[in-house]
Amino acid sequence: MTFRVLFIDDDAFMLKALLRTAKRLRPHWLFYGCEQAKDWVSLAEEIAPLDMIICDYQMPEINGEQVLRQATISYPAAVRVLLQAILLRILLPECANLAIILSVSHLLSKISLKYFNV
C-alpha cells in the first residue's frame, strides 16, 4: 500500500521545499502539491485515497480552516496537519482551537529567516 500525502500552500517556494524535503524523508511515499487552495478537491479526487493532508493556514480565497473542514467530511480517515507560517501570540490560540475542532493531528510552524532579519 502506498501512502499518499497532499500539501496545500499558496507559497510556491515553500510548497516546493516541503515536497522536496518530504520526498527525501519518505522516498516510497507519494507526495502531491496544490498551490491554489480552491483546486485541492479536484486534485484530491484524482489521487484518492488520501492518507494525509498538510495545509497552510493563511491563504487567499480559501484558508486552511475551510480546506480542513472540507477534508474532515471528504477524507475523514486522512491525517490532517495545519501549517502556520509564524505562530504569533494572537494566532496561536486560534490555530490551537481550530486544531481541536477539526481533529487536526499536528499544528506545525514554518520558520522563515526573513522574520529574523537574517
Protein backbone atom coordinates (compact mmCIF):
# COMPACT_ATOMS: atom_id res chain seq x y z
CA MET A 1 0.00 0.00 0.00
CA THR A 2 1.32 3.44 -0.97
CA PHE A 3 0.94 6.37 1.44
CA ARG A 4 -0.43 9.47 -0.35
CA VAL A 5 0.20 12.97 1.02
CA LEU A 6 -1.21 16.23 -0.31
CA PHE A 7 0.48 19.54 0.55
CA ILE A 8 -1.60 22.70 0.08
CA ASP A 9 0.26 26.02 0.24
CA ASP A 10 -0.11 29.22 -1.81
CA ASP A 11 3.62 29.99 -1.45
CA ALA A 12 5.20 28.23 -4.45
CA PHE A 13 8.71 28.25 -2.97
CA MET A 14 7.52 26.81 0.35
CA LEU A 15 5.46 24.18 -1.44
CA LYS A 16 8.48 23.05 -3.47
CA ALA A 17 10.63 22.96 -0.33
CA LEU A 18 8.04 20.92 1.55
CA LEU A 19 7.71 18.43 -1.32
CA ARG A 20 11.48 18.13 -1.75
CA THR A 21 12.05 17.55 1.97
CA ALA A 22 9.20 15.06 2.27
CA LYS A 23 10.46 13.04 -0.70
CA ARG A 24 13.89 12.81 0.90
CA LEU A 25 12.45 11.66 4.22
CA ARG A 26 9.95 9.17 2.79
CA PRO A 27 11.11 8.14 -0.71
CA HIS A 28 8.48 5.39 -1.02
CA TRP A 29 5.51 7.66 -0.33
CA LEU A 30 3.68 9.65 -3.00
CA PHE A 31 3.60 13.42 -2.49
CA TYR A 32 1.45 15.93 -4.33
CA GLY A 33 1.35 19.71 -4.17
CA CYS A 34 -1.50 22.14 -4.68
CA GLU A 35 -0.72 25.85 -4.91
CA GLN A 36 -4.32 27.01 -5.35
CA ALA A 37 -6.40 26.02 -2.33
CA LYS A 38 -9.61 26.24 -4.36
CA ASP A 39 -8.30 23.42 -6.60
CA TRP A 40 -7.46 20.94 -3.85
CA VAL A 41 -10.73 18.97 -4.14
CA SER A 42 -10.30 18.18 -7.84
CA LEU A 43 -6.66 17.20 -7.32
CA ALA A 44 -7.58 15.05 -4.32
CA GLU A 45 -10.20 13.21 -6.40
CA GLU A 46 -7.52 12.36 -8.97
CA ILE A 47 -5.10 10.93 -6.42
CA ALA A 48 -7.55 9.46 -3.87
CA PRO A 49 -7.45 7.89 -1.43
CA LEU A 50 -5.53 10.46 0.59
CA ASP A 51 -3.73 9.39 3.74
CA MET A 52 -2.52 12.82 4.87
CA ILE A 53 -3.41 16.43 4.10
CA ILE A 54 -0.94 19.14 5.13
CA CYS A 55 -2.41 22.59 4.64
CA ASP A 56 -1.18 26.13 5.21
CA TYR A 57 -3.45 28.21 7.43
CA GLN A 58 -3.24 31.64 5.81
CA MET A 59 -4.06 31.54 2.10
CA PRO A 60 -6.09 33.80 -0.17
CA GLU A 61 -9.60 32.83 -1.26
CA ILE A 62 -9.84 29.69 0.89
CA ASN A 63 -7.92 29.44 4.15
CA GLY A 64 -6.61 26.32 5.84
CA GLU A 65 -9.58 26.14 8.17
CA GLN A 66 -12.01 25.88 5.26
CA VAL A 67 -9.86 23.31 3.49
CA LEU A 68 -9.55 21.10 6.56
CA ARG A 69 -13.28 21.39 7.29
CA GLN A 70 -13.93 20.02 3.79
CA ALA A 71 -11.25 17.37 4.29
CA THR A 72 -12.89 16.20 7.53
CA ILE A 73 -16.01 15.37 5.54
CA SER A 74 -14.42 14.11 2.30
CA TYR A 75 -11.46 12.25 3.82
CA PRO A 76 -12.31 11.50 7.47
CA ALA A 77 -9.58 8.86 7.81
CA ALA A 78 -6.82 11.13 6.50
CA VAL A 79 -4.35 12.64 8.94
CA ARG A 80 -4.85 16.40 8.88
CA VAL A 81 -1.99 18.82 9.58
CA LEU A 82 -2.35 22.59 9.90
CA LEU A 83 0.72 24.55 8.84
CA GLN A 84 1.26 28.12 10.02
CA ALA A 85 3.99 30.46 8.77
CA ILE A 86 4.62 32.09 12.12
CA LEU A 87 2.84 31.36 15.37
CA LEU A 88 2.03 34.81 16.65
CA ARG A 89 0.56 35.08 20.13
CA ILE A 90 -2.69 36.22 18.55
CA LEU A 91 -2.91 33.35 16.05
CA LEU A 92 -1.63 30.54 18.26
CA PRO A 93 -4.81 30.20 20.38
CA GLU A 94 -6.96 30.47 17.26
CA CYS A 95 -4.94 27.79 15.45
CA ALA A 96 -4.88 25.56 18.52
CA ASN A 97 -8.68 25.81 18.85
CA LEU A 98 -9.08 25.01 15.17
CA ALA A 99 -6.80 22.01 15.55
CA ILE A 100 -9.10 20.63 18.22
CA ILE A 101 -12.32 21.40 16.33
CA LEU A 102 -11.05 19.93 13.06
CA SER A 103 -9.38 16.90 14.68
CA VAL A 104 -6.04 18.07 13.34
CA SER A 105 -3.31 15.74 14.50
CA HIS A 106 -0.46 18.26 14.23
CA LEU A 107 -0.04 22.02 14.29
CA LEU A 108 3.27 22.94 12.64
CA SER A 109 5.08 26.23 12.23
CA LYS A 110 7.06 27.25 9.15
CA ILE A 111 10.17 29.17 10.15
CA SER A 112 11.33 31.88 7.77
CA LEU A 113 14.64 33.71 8.11
CA LYS A 114 13.09 36.93 6.85
CA TYR A 115 11.26 37.27 10.17
CA PHE A 116 14.58 37.19 11.98
CA ASN A 117 16.23 39.81 9.72
CA VAL A 118 18.97 37.36 8.70
